[in-house]
Amino acid sequence: MPKTIQLRRYTLVDGEYDAFLEWWRSTMPFVRPTAGFAVEFAYGLRGSNEFVWAVSAPGDREEFARLEEAYMASPERAAAFEGVPQRVAVYDVGFVDDAPTAG
């Protein structure tokens, strides 16, 4: 079955890099999979204050959107973000069109 991959690039709020990474590591790898997603990868770029990660779901973009809508309204997501200050200054989120295989 094909999968849809969403690339998520964040520019973090100055001074929030370490706090964001600590929160992300303790939250997203657990919350997203319970909603039907897989975390493909995640990398932090301390020098440019960026965080880049990809999340995927089986099926097409329509199915991804359906899962995303349910995830955004879920109590699990609400709990993950409860009391967390805004640590992302700029969001750049889009779908991957081509995913060539290495090798």
PDB file of N, CA and C in Angstrom:
ATOM      1  N   MET A   1       0.849  -1.178   0.000  1.00  0.00           N
ATOM      2  CA  MET A   1       0.000   0.000   0.000  1.00  0.00           C
ATOM      3  C   MET A   1       0.894   1.240   0.000  1.00  0.00           C
ATOM      4  N   PRO A   2       0.574   2.204  -0.842  1.00  0.00           N
ATOM      5  CA  PRO A   2       1.359   3.452  -0.840  1.00  0.00           C
ATOM      6  C   PRO A   2       1.142   4.224   0.457  1.00  0.00           C
ATOM      7  N   LYS A   3       2.074   5.111   0.723  1.00  0.00           N
ATOM      8  CA  LYS A   3       1.929   5.969   1.897  1.00  0.00           C
ATOM      9  C   LYS A   3       2.132   7.413   1.493  1.00  0.00           C
ATOM     10  N   THR A   4       1.591   8.297   2.297  1.00  0.00           N
ATOM     11  CA  THR A   4       1.743   9.732   2.098  1.00  0.00           C
ATOM     12  C   THR A   4       2.686  10.247   3.168  1.00  0.00           C
ATOM     13  N   ILE A   5       3.663  11.055   2.735  1.00  0.00           N
ATOM     14  CA  ILE A   5       4.658  11.604   3.652  1.00  0.00           C
ATOM     15  C   ILE A   5       4.511  13.118   3.697  1.00  0.00           C
ATOM     16  N   GLN A   6       4.468  13.640   4.906  1.00  0.00           N
ATOM     17  CA  GLN A   6       4.405  15.085   5.118  1.00  0.00           C
ATOM     18  C   GLN A   6       5.730  15.530   5.739  1.00  0.00           C
ATOM     19  N   LEU A   7       6.372  16.503   5.106  1.00  0.00           N
ATOM     20  CA  LEU A   7       7.619  17.071   5.612  1.00  0.00           C
ATOM     21  C   LEU A   7       7.272  18.309   6.427  1.00  0.00           C
ATOM     22  N   ARG A   8       7.814  18.372   7.642  1.00  0.00           N
ATOM     23  CA  ARG A   8       7.497  19.460   8.568  1.00  0.00           C
ATOM     24  C   ARG A   8       8.800  20.150   8.948  1.00  0.00           C
ATOM     25  N   ARG A   9       8.947  21.410   8.547  1.00  0.00           N
ATOM     26  CA  ARG A   9      10.159  22.186   8.851  1.00  0.00           C
ATOM     27  C   ARG A   9       9.767  23.358   9.735  1.00  0.00           C
ATOM     28  N   TYR A  10      10.423  23.440  10.878  1.00  0.00           N
ATOM     29  CA  TYR A  10      10.110  24.482  11.849  1.00  0.00           C
ATOM     30  C   TYR A  10      11.331  25.353  12.092  1.00  0.00           C
ATOM     31  N   THR A  11      11.112  26.650  12.162  1.00  0.00           N
ATOM     32  CA  THR A  11      12.102  27.568  12.718  1.00  0.00           C
ATOM     33  C   THR A  11      11.628  27.840  14.136  1.00  0.00           C
ATOM     34  N   LEU A  12      12.488  27.554  15.095  1.00  0.00           N
ATOM     35  CA  LEU A  12      12.088  27.642  16.494  1.00  0.00           C
ATOM     36  C   LEU A  12      12.257  29.049  17.048  1.00  0.00           C
ATOM     37  N   VAL A  13      11.492  29.346  18.073  1.00  0.00           N
ATOM     38  CA  VAL A  13      11.605  30.614  18.790  1.00  0.00           C
ATOM     39  C   VAL A  13      12.999  30.662  19.418  1.00  0.00           C
ATOM     40  N   ASP A  14      13.667  31.808  19.309  1.00  0.00           N
ATOM     41  CA  ASP A  14      15.004  31.951  19.895  1.00  0.00           C
ATOM     42  C   ASP A  14      14.995  31.534  21.360  1.00  0.00           C
ATOM     43  N   GLY A  15      15.985  30.741  21.728  1.00  0.00           N
ATOM     44  CA  GLY A  15      16.128  30.300  23.103  1.00  0.00           C
ATOM     45  C   GLY A  15      15.294  29.085  23.481  1.00  0.00           C
ATOM     46  N   GLU A  16      14.510  28.550  22.545  1.00  0.00           N
ATOM     47  CA  GLU A  16      13.610  27.428  22.853  1.00  0.00           C
ATOM     48  C   GLU A  16      14.064  26.095  22.260  1.00  0.00           C
ATOM     49  N   TYR A  17      15.232  26.056  21.630  1.00  0.00           N
ATOM     50  CA  TYR A  17      15.684  24.841  20.943  1.00  0.00           C
ATOM     51  C   TYR A  17      15.700  23.626  21.876  1.00  0.00           C
ATOM     52  N   ASP A  18      16.412  23.719  22.988  1.00  0.00           N
ATOM     53  CA  ASP A  18      16.546  22.575  23.897  1.00  0.00           C
ATOM     54  C   ASP A  18      15.208  22.164  24.499  1.00  0.00           C
ATOM     55  N   ALA A  19      14.407  23.124  24.903  1.00  0.00           N
ATOM     56  CA  ALA A  19      13.097  22.816  25.488  1.00  0.00           C
ATOM     57  C   ALA A  19      12.190  22.159  24.455  1.00  0.00           C
ATOM     58  N   PHE A  20      12.241  22.645  23.211  1.00  0.00           N
ATOM     59  CA  PHE A  20      11.424  22.046  22.161  1.00  0.00           C
ATOM     60  C   PHE A  20      11.841  20.597  21.929  1.00  0.00           C
ATOM     61  N   LEU A  21      13.149  20.349  21.782  1.00  0.00           N
ATOM     62  CA  LEU A  21      13.618  18.982  21.551  1.00  0.00           C
ATOM     63  C   LEU A  21      13.227  18.050  22.691  1.00  0.00           C
ATOM     64  N   GLU A  22      13.372  18.504  23.900  1.00  0.00           N
ATOM     65  CA  GLU A  22      13.005  17.673  25.051  1.00  0.00           C
ATOM     66  C   GLU A  22      11.522  17.326  25.002  1.00  0.00           C
ATOM     67  N   TRP A  23      10.686  18.329  24.724  1.00  0.00           N
ATOM     68  CA  TRP A  23       9.242  18.089  24.624  1.00  0.00           C
ATOM     69  C   TRP A  23       8.929  17.151  23.460  1.00  0.00           C
ATOM     70  N   TRP A  24       9.511  17.422  22.280  1.00  0.00           N
ATOM     71  CA  TRP A  24       9.211  16.614  21.098  1.00  0.00           C
ATOM     72  C   TRP A  24       9.585  15.155  21.336  1.00  0.00           C
ATOM     73  N   ARG A  25      10.790  14.918  21.841  1.00  0.00           N
ATOM     74  CA  ARG A  25      11.256  13.540  22.084  1.00  0.00           C
ATOM     75  C   ARG A  25      10.352  12.787  23.060  1.00  0.00           C
ATOM     76  N   SER A  26       9.795  13.481  24.002  1.00  0.00           N
ATOM     77  CA  SER A  26       8.965  12.823  25.014  1.00  0.00           C
ATOM     78  C   SER A  26       7.499  12.727  24.600  1.00  0.00           C
ATOM     79  N   THR A  27       7.158  13.299  23.452  1.00  0.00           N
ATOM     80  CA  THR A  27       5.752  13.379  23.073  1.00  0.00           C
ATOM     81  C   THR A  27       5.433  12.792  21.698  1.00  0.00           C
ATOM     82  N   MET A  28       5.964  13.384  20.644  1.00  0.00           N
ATOM     83  CA  MET A  28       5.550  13.034  19.285  1.00  0.00           C
ATOM     84  C   MET A  28       5.786  11.576  18.898  1.00  0.00           C
ATOM     85  N   PRO A  29       6.921  10.963  19.258  1.00  0.00           N
ATOM     86  CA  PRO A  29       7.099   9.555  18.873  1.00  0.00           C
ATOM     87  C   PRO A  29       6.062   8.620  19.497  1.00  0.00           C
ATOM     88  N   PHE A  30       5.326   9.105  20.474  1.00  0.00           N
ATOM     89  CA  PHE A  30       4.305   8.295  21.129  1.00  0.00           C
ATOM     90  C   PHE A  30       2.891   8.702  20.717  1.00  0.00           C
ATOM     91  N   VAL A  31       2.660  10.003  20.560  1.00  0.00           N
ATOM     92  CA  VAL A  31       1.315  10.500  20.250  1.00  0.00           C
ATOM     93  C   VAL A  31       0.945  10.263  18.786  1.00  0.00           C
ATOM     94  N   ARG A  32       1.847  10.558  17.875  1.00  0.00           N
ATOM     95  CA  ARG A  32       1.513  10.403  16.453  1.00  0.00           C
ATOM     96  C   ARG A  32       1.196   8.958  16.067  1.00  0.00           C
ATOM     97  N   PRO A  33       1.993   7.968  16.486  1.00  0.00           N
ATOM     98  CA  PRO A  33       1.671   6.589  16.104  1.00  0.00           C
ATOM     99  C   PRO A  33       0.316   6.099  16.618  1.00  0.00           C
ATOM    100  N   THR A  34      -0.115   6.564  17.771  1.00  0.00           N
ATOM    101  CA  THR A  34      -1.425   6.137  18.270  1.00  0.00           C
ATOM    102  C   THR A  34      -2.557   6.675  17.399  1.00  0.00           C
ATOM    103  N   ALA A  35      -2.257   7.690  16.588  1.00  0.00           N
ATOM    104  CA  ALA A  35      -3.258   8.270  15.687  1.00  0.00           C
ATOM    105  C   ALA A  35      -3.148   7.703  14.271  1.00  0.00           C
ATOM    106  N   GLY A  36      -2.279   6.702  14.071  1.00  0.00           N
ATOM    107  CA  GLY A  36      -2.164   6.068  12.757  1.00  0.00           C
ATOM    108  C   GLY A  36      -1.019   6.557  11.905  1.00  0.00           C
ATOM    109  N   PHE A  37      -0.148   7.383  12.458  1.00  0.00           N
ATOM    110  CA  PHE A  37       0.990   7.929  11.723  1.00  0.00           C
ATOM    111  C   PHE A  37       2.281   7.215  12.113  1.00  0.00           C
ATOM    112  N   ALA A  38       3.287   7.343  11.262  1.00  0.00           N
ATOM    113  CA  ALA A  38       4.641   6.884  11.576  1.00  0.00           C
ATOM    114  C   ALA A  38       5.574   8.081  11.467  1.00  0.00           C
ATOM    115  N   VAL A  39       6.467   8.221  12.410  1.00  0.00           N
ATOM    116  CA  VAL A  39       7.496   9.255  12.318  1.00  0.00           C
ATOM    117  C   VAL A  39       8.618   8.674  11.467  1.00  0.00           C
ATOM    118  N   GLU A  40       8.859   9.278  10.310  1.00  0.00           N
ATOM    119  CA  GLU A  40       9.866   8.784   9.374  1.00  0.00           C
ATOM    120  C   GLU A  40      11.280   9.147   9.824  1.00  0.00           C
ATOM    121  N   PHE A  41      11.465  10.375  10.255  1.00  0.00           N
ATOM    122  CA  PHE A  41      12.754  10.840  10.763  1.00  0.00           C
ATOM    123  C   PHE A  41      12.537  12.161  11.469  1.00  0.00           C
ATOM    124  N   ALA A  42      13.534  12.573  12.225  1.00  0.00           N
ATOM    125  CA  ALA A  42      13.508  13.883  12.886  1.00  0.00           C
ATOM    126  C   ALA A  42      14.942  14.316  13.129  1.00  0.00           C
ATOM    127  N   TYR A  43      15.241  15.564  12.762  1.00  0.00           N
ATOM    128  CA  TYR A  43      16.582  16.117  12.943  1.00  0.00           C
ATOM    129  C   TYR A  43      16.485  17.551  13.437  1.00  0.00           C
ATOM    130  N   GLY A  44      17.356  17.878  14.361  1.00  0.00           N
ATOM    131  CA  GLY A  44      17.482  19.252  14.818  1.00  0.00           C
ATOM    132  C   GLY A  44      18.729  19.874  14.225  1.00  0.00           C
ATOM    133  N   LEU A  45      18.645  21.143  13.883  1.00  0.00           N
ATOM    134  CA  LEU A  45      19.777  21.901  13.356  1.00  0.00           C
ATOM    135  C   LEU A  45      20.000  23.074  14.299  1.00  0.00           C
ATOM    136  N   ARG A  46      20.800  22.839  15.312  1.00  0.00           N
ATOM    137  CA  ARG A  46      20.999  23.832  16.365  1.00  0.00           C
ATOM    138  C   ARG A  46      21.514  25.157  15.804  1.00  0.00           C
ATOM    139  N   GLY A  47      22.470  25.098  14.880  1.00  0.00           N
ATOM    140  CA  GLY A  47      23.088  26.310  14.353  1.00  0.00           C
ATOM    141  C   GLY A  47      22.114  27.269  13.694  1.00  0.00           C
ATOM    142  N   SER A  48      21.074  26.728  13.078  1.00  0.00           N
ATOM    143  CA  SER A  48      20.079  27.575  12.418  1.00  0.00           C
ATOM    144  C   SER A  48      18.749  27.599  13.175  1.00  0.00           C
ATOM    145  N   ASN A  49      18.724  26.961  14.359  1.00  0.00           N
ATOM    146  CA  ASN A  49      17.536  26.969  15.208  1.00  0.00           C
ATOM    147  C   ASN A  49      16.328  26.351  14.494  1.00  0.00           C
ATOM    148  N   GLU A  50      16.581  25.236  13.798  1.00  0.00           N
ATOM    149  CA  GLU A  50      15.532  24.578  13.024  1.00  0.00           C
ATOM    150  C   GLU A  50      15.312  23.149  13.502  1.00  0.00           C
ATOM    151  N   PHE A  51      14.135  22.650  13.218  1.00  0.00           N
ATOM    152  CA  PHE A  51      13.792  21.260  13.477  1.00  0.00           C
ATOM    153  C   PHE A  51      13.041  20.769  12.252  1.00  0.00           C
ATOM    154  N   VAL A  52      13.478  19.639  11.701  1.00  0.00           N
ATOM    155  CA  VAL A  52      12.887  19.086  10.482  1.00  0.00           C
ATOM    156  C   VAL A  52      12.495  17.643  10.768  1.00  0.00           C
ATOM    157  N   TRP A  53      11.265  17.309  10.423  1.00  0.00           N
ATOM    158  CA  TRP A  53      10.844  15.926  10.606  1.00  0.00           C
ATOM    159  C   TRP A  53       9.797  15.564   9.571  1.00  0.00           C
ATOM    160  N   ALA A  54       9.570  14.263   9.436  1.00  0.00           N
ATOM    161  CA  ALA A  54       8.572  13.783   8.487  1.00  0.00           C
ATOM    162  C   ALA A  54       7.677  12.774   9.185  1.00  0.00           C
ATOM    163  N   VAL A  55       6.415  12.852   8.849  1.00  0.00           N
ATOM    164  CA  VAL A  55       5.412  11.938   9.382  1.00  0.00           C
ATOM    165  C   VAL A  55       4.664  11.349   8.188  1.00  0.00           C
ATOM    166  N   SER A  56       4.312  10.078   8.288  1.00  0.00           N
ATOM    167  CA  SER A  56       3.625   9.432   7.171  1.00  0.00           C
ATOM    168  C   SER A  56       2.404   8.670   7.666  1.00  0.00           C
ATOM    169  N   ALA A  57       1.566   8.329   6.690  1.00  0.00           N
ATOM    170  CA  ALA A  57       0.387   7.506   6.970  1.00  0.00           C
ATOM    171  C   ALA A  57       0.100   6.672   5.729  1.00  0.00           C
ATOM    172  N   PRO A  58      -0.429   5.477   5.919  1.00  0.00           N
ATOM    173  CA  PRO A  58      -0.789   4.658   4.768  1.00  0.00           C
ATOM    174  C   PRO A  58      -1.883   5.345   3.948  1.00  0.00           C
ATOM    175  N   GLY A  59      -1.813   5.155   2.636  1.00  0.00           N
ATOM    176  CA  GLY A  59      -2.856   5.692   1.775  1.00  0.00           C
ATOM    177  C   GLY A  59      -2.481   7.002   1.110  1.00  0.00           C
ATOM    178  N   ASP A  60      -3.488   7.642   0.530  1.00  0.00           N
ATOM    179  CA  ASP A  60      -3.268   8.869  -0.229  1.00  0.00           C
ATOM    180  C   ASP A  60      -3.418  10.103   0.668  1.00  0.00           C
ATOM    181  N   ARG A  61      -3.308  11.277   0.053  1.00  0.00           N
ATOM    182  CA  ARG A  61      -3.400  12.531   0.815  1.00  0.00           C
ATOM    183  C   ARG A  61      -4.770  12.713   1.462  1.00  0.00           C
ATOM    184  N   GLU A  62      -5.783  12.210   0.816  1.00  0.00           N
ATOM    185  CA  GLU A  62      -7.135  12.303   1.381  1.00  0.00           C
ATOM    186  C   GLU A  62      -7.212  11.506   2.687  1.00  0.00           C
ATOM    187  N   GLU A  63      -6.631  10.321   2.689  1.00  0.00           N
ATOM    188  CA  GLU A  63      -6.612   9.507   3.909  1.00  0.00           C
ATOM    189  C   GLU A  63      -5.756  10.177   4.981  1.00  0.00           C
ATOM    190  N   PHE A  64      -4.625  10.757   4.573  1.00  0.00           N
ATOM    191  CA  PHE A  64      -3.770  11.482   5.514  1.00  0.00           C
ATOM    192  C   PHE A  64      -4.565  12.619   6.152  1.00  0.00           C
ATOM    193  N   ALA A  65      -5.293  13.362   5.331  1.00  0.00           N
ATOM    194  CA  ALA A  65      -6.089  14.488   5.836  1.00  0.00           C
ATOM    195  C   ALA A  65      -7.152  14.013   6.819  1.00  0.00           C
ATOM    196  N   ARG A  66      -7.754  12.869   6.546  1.00  0.00           N
ATOM    197  CA  ARG A  66      -8.761  12.321   7.454  1.00  0.00           C
ATOM    198  C   ARG A  66      -8.128  11.984   8.807  1.00  0.00           C
ATOM    199  N   LEU A  67      -6.963  11.323   8.774  1.00  0.00           N
ATOM    200  CA  LEU A  67      -6.261  10.996  10.016  1.00  0.00           C
ATOM    201  C   LEU A  67      -5.820  12.259  10.753  1.00  0.00           C
ATOM    202  N   GLU A  68      -5.336  13.238   9.990  1.00  0.00           N
ATOM    203  CA  GLU A  68      -4.862  14.488  10.592  1.00  0.00           C
ATOM    204  C   GLU A  68      -6.006  15.229  11.290  1.00  0.00           C
ATOM    205  N   GLU A  69      -7.162  15.241  10.663  1.00  0.00           N
ATOM    206  CA  GLU A  69      -8.315  15.905  11.268  1.00  0.00           C
ATOM    207  C   GLU A  69      -8.695  15.233  12.588  1.00  0.00           C
ATOM    208  N   ALA A  70      -8.710  13.905  12.591  1.00  0.00           N
ATOM    209  CA  ALA A  70      -9.027  13.172  13.821  1.00  0.00           C
ATOM    210  C   ALA A  70      -7.947  13.399  14.876  1.00  0.00           C
ATOM    211  N   TYR A  71      -6.686  13.408  14.460  1.00  0.00           N
ATOM    212  CA  TYR A  71      -5.573  13.640  15.386  1.00  0.00           C
ATOM    213  C   TYR A  71      -5.663  15.030  16.014  1.00  0.00           C
ATOM    214  N   MET A  72      -5.924  16.045  15.199  1.00  0.00           N
ATOM    215  CA  MET A  72      -5.986  17.420  15.702  1.00  0.00           C
ATOM    216  C   MET A  72      -7.091  17.594  16.745  1.00  0.00           C
ATOM    217  N   ALA A  73      -8.158  16.816  16.648  1.00  0.00           N
ATOM    218  CA  ALA A  73      -9.279  16.916  17.583  1.00  0.00           C
ATOM    219  C   ALA A  73      -9.178  15.929  18.749  1.00  0.00           C
ATOM    220  N   SER A  74      -8.108  15.138  18.782  1.00  0.00           N
ATOM    221  CA  SER A  74      -8.009  14.069  19.779  1.00  0.00           C
ATOM    222  C   SER A  74      -7.618  14.577  21.164  1.00  0.00           C
ATOM    223  N   PRO A  75      -8.095  13.913  22.195  1.00  0.00           N
ATOM    224  CA  PRO A  75      -7.688  14.270  23.557  1.00  0.00           C
ATOM    225  C   PRO A  75      -6.201  13.996  23.801  1.00  0.00           C
ATOM    226  N   GLU A  76      -5.629  13.032  23.086  1.00  0.00           N
ATOM    227  CA  GLU A  76      -4.203  12.738  23.229  1.00  0.00           C
ATOM    228  C   GLU A  76      -3.351  13.905  22.753  1.00  0.00           C
ATOM    229  N   ARG A  77      -3.745  14.493  21.629  1.00  0.00           N
ATOM    230  CA  ARG A  77      -3.002  15.652  21.137  1.00  0.00           C
ATOM    231  C   ARG A  77      -3.189  16.832  22.083  1.00  0.00           C
ATOM    232  N   ALA A  78      -4.409  17.043  22.533  1.00  0.00           N
ATOM    233  CA  ALA A  78      -4.674  18.147  23.458  1.00  0.00           C
ATOM    234  C   ALA A  78      -3.815  18.007  24.711  1.00  0.00           C
ATOM    235  N   ALA A  79      -3.701  16.801  25.230  1.00  0.00           N
ATOM    236  CA  ALA A  79      -2.891  16.569  26.429  1.00  0.00           C
ATOM    237  C   ALA A  79      -1.413  16.820  26.147  1.00  0.00           C
ATOM    238  N   ALA A  80      -0.948  16.447  24.955  1.00  0.00           N
ATOM    239  CA  ALA A  80       0.464  16.633  24.598  1.00  0.00           C
ATOM    240  C   ALA A  80       0.845  18.107  24.532  1.00  0.00           C
ATOM    241  N   PHE A  81      -0.100  18.957  24.164  1.00  0.00           N
ATOM    242  CA  PHE A  81       0.185  20.383  24.010  1.00  0.00           C
ATOM    243  C   PHE A  81      -0.272  21.228  25.201  1.00  0.00           C
ATOM    244  N   GLU A  82      -0.956  20.617  26.148  1.00  0.00           N
ATOM    245  CA  GLU A  82      -1.479  21.362  27.290  1.00  0.00           C
ATOM    246  C   GLU A  82      -0.346  22.006  28.089  1.00  0.00           C
ATOM    247  N   GLY A  83      -0.431  23.314  28.240  1.00  0.00           N
ATOM    248  CA  GLY A  83       0.548  24.051  29.023  1.00  0.00           C
ATOM    249  C   GLY A  83       1.891  24.272  28.351  1.00  0.00           C
ATOM    250  N   VAL A  84       2.021  23.858  27.098  1.00  0.00           N
ATOM    251  CA  VAL A  84       3.288  24.019  26.375  1.00  0.00           C
ATOM    252  C   VAL A  84       3.290  25.388  25.700  1.00  0.00           C
ATOM    253  N   PRO A  85       4.304  26.209  25.971  1.00  0.00           N
ATOM    254  CA  PRO A  85       4.358  27.522  25.316  1.00  0.00           C
ATOM    255  C   PRO A  85       4.655  27.377  23.821  1.00  0.00           C
ATOM    256  N   GLN A  86       4.351  28.410  23.069  1.00  0.00           N
ATOM    257  CA  GLN A  86       4.630  28.406  21.636  1.00  0.00           C
ATOM    258  C   GLN A  86       6.140  28.435  21.429  1.00  0.00           C
ATOM    259  N   ARG A  87       6.685  27.367  20.869  1.00  0.00           N
ATOM    260  CA  ARG A  87       8.128  27.277  20.655  1.00  0.00           C
ATOM    261  C   ARG A  87       8.504  27.282  19.183  1.00  0.00           C
ATOM    262  N   VAL A  88       7.520  27.314  18.305  1.00  0.00           N
ATOM    263  CA  VAL A  88       7.782  27.345  16.866  1.00  0.00           C
ATOM    264  C   VAL A  88       7.404  28.724  16.348  1.00  0.00           C
ATOM    265  N   ALA A  89       8.379  29.396  15.727  1.00  0.00           N
ATOM    266  CA  ALA A  89       8.136  30.731  15.175  1.00  0.00           C
ATOM    267  C   ALA A  89       7.571  30.650  13.764  1.00  0.00           C
ATOM    268  N   VAL A  90       8.082  29.697  12.966  1.00  0.00           N
ATOM    269  CA  VAL A  90       7.665  29.567  11.568  1.00  0.00           C
ATOM    270  C   VAL A  90       7.449  28.088  11.252  1.00  0.00           C
ATOM    271  N   TYR A  91       6.298  27.793  10.668  1.00  0.00           N
ATOM    272  CA  TYR A  91       5.976  26.436  10.221  1.00  0.00           C
ATOM    273  C   TYR A  91       6.058  26.392   8.701  1.00  0.00           C
ATOM    274  N   ASP A  92       6.714  25.377   8.163  1.00  0.00           N
ATOM    275  CA  ASP A  92       6.731  25.117   6.725  1.00  0.00           C
ATOM    276  C   ASP A  92       6.372  23.643   6.574  1.00  0.00           C
ATOM    277  N   VAL A  93       5.137  23.370   6.196  1.00  0.00           N
ATOM    278  CA  VAL A  93       4.625  22.008   6.170  1.00  0.00           C
ATOM    279  C   VAL A  93       4.085  21.715   4.781  1.00  0.00           C
ATOM    280  N   GLY A  94       4.495  20.590   4.214  1.00  0.00           N
ATOM    281  CA  GLY A  94       4.005  20.216   2.895  1.00  0.00           C
ATOM    282  C   GLY A  94       4.197  18.735   2.648  1.00  0.00           C
ATOM    283  N   PHE A  95       3.597  18.260   1.584  1.00  0.00           N
ATOM    284  CA  PHE A  95       3.694  16.849   1.247  1.00  0.00           C
ATOM    285  C   PHE A  95       4.869  16.594   0.319  1.00  0.00           C
ATOM    286  N   VAL A  96       5.490  15.442   0.514  1.00  0.00           N
ATOM    287  CA  VAL A  96       6.590  15.007  -0.336  1.00  0.00           C
ATOM    288  C   VAL A  96       5.979  14.461  -1.620  1.00  0.00           C
ATOM    289  N   ASP A  97       6.458  14.943  -2.755  1.00  0.00           N
ATOM    290  CA  ASP A  97       5.946  14.461  -4.037  1.00  0.00           C
ATOM    291  C   ASP A  97       6.663  13.207  -4.509  1.00  0.00           C
ATOM    292  N   ASP A  98       7.953  13.163  -4.293  1.00  0.00           N
ATOM    293  CA  ASP A  98       8.752  12.035  -4.742  1.00  0.00           C
ATOM    294  C   ASP A  98       9.676  11.603  -3.619  1.00  0.00           C
ATOM    295  N   ALA A  99       9.754  10.313  -3.400  1.00  0.00           N
ATOM    296  CA  ALA A  99      10.648   9.770  -2.383  1.00  0.00           C
ATOM    297  C   ALA A  99      11.521   8.705  -3.038  1.00  0.00           C
ATOM    298  N   PRO A 100      12.639   9.137  -3.664  1.00  0.00           N
ATOM    299  CA  PRO A 100      13.494   8.159  -4.326  1.00  0.00           C
ATOM    300  C   PRO A 100      14.110   7.199  -3.313  1.00  0.00           C
ATOM    301  N   THR A 101      14.319   5.991  -3.745  1.00  0.00           N
ATOM    302  CA  THR A 101      14.934   4.985  -2.896  1.00  0.00           C
ATOM    303  C   THR A 101      16.443   5.095  -2.990  1.00  0.00           C
ATOM    304  N   ALA A 102      17.105   5.099  -1.846  1.00  0.00           N
ATOM    305  CA  ALA A 102      18.570   5.165  -1.831  1.00  0.00           C
ATOM    306  C   ALA A 102      19.141   3.841  -2.316  1.00  0.00           C
ATOM    307  N   GLY A 103      20.318   3.928  -2.957  1.00  0.00           N
ATOM    308  CA  GLY A 103      21.035   2.711  -3.347  1.00  0.00           C
ATOM    309  C   GLY A 103      20.749   2.343  -4.719  1.00  0.00           C
TER     310      GLY A 103
END
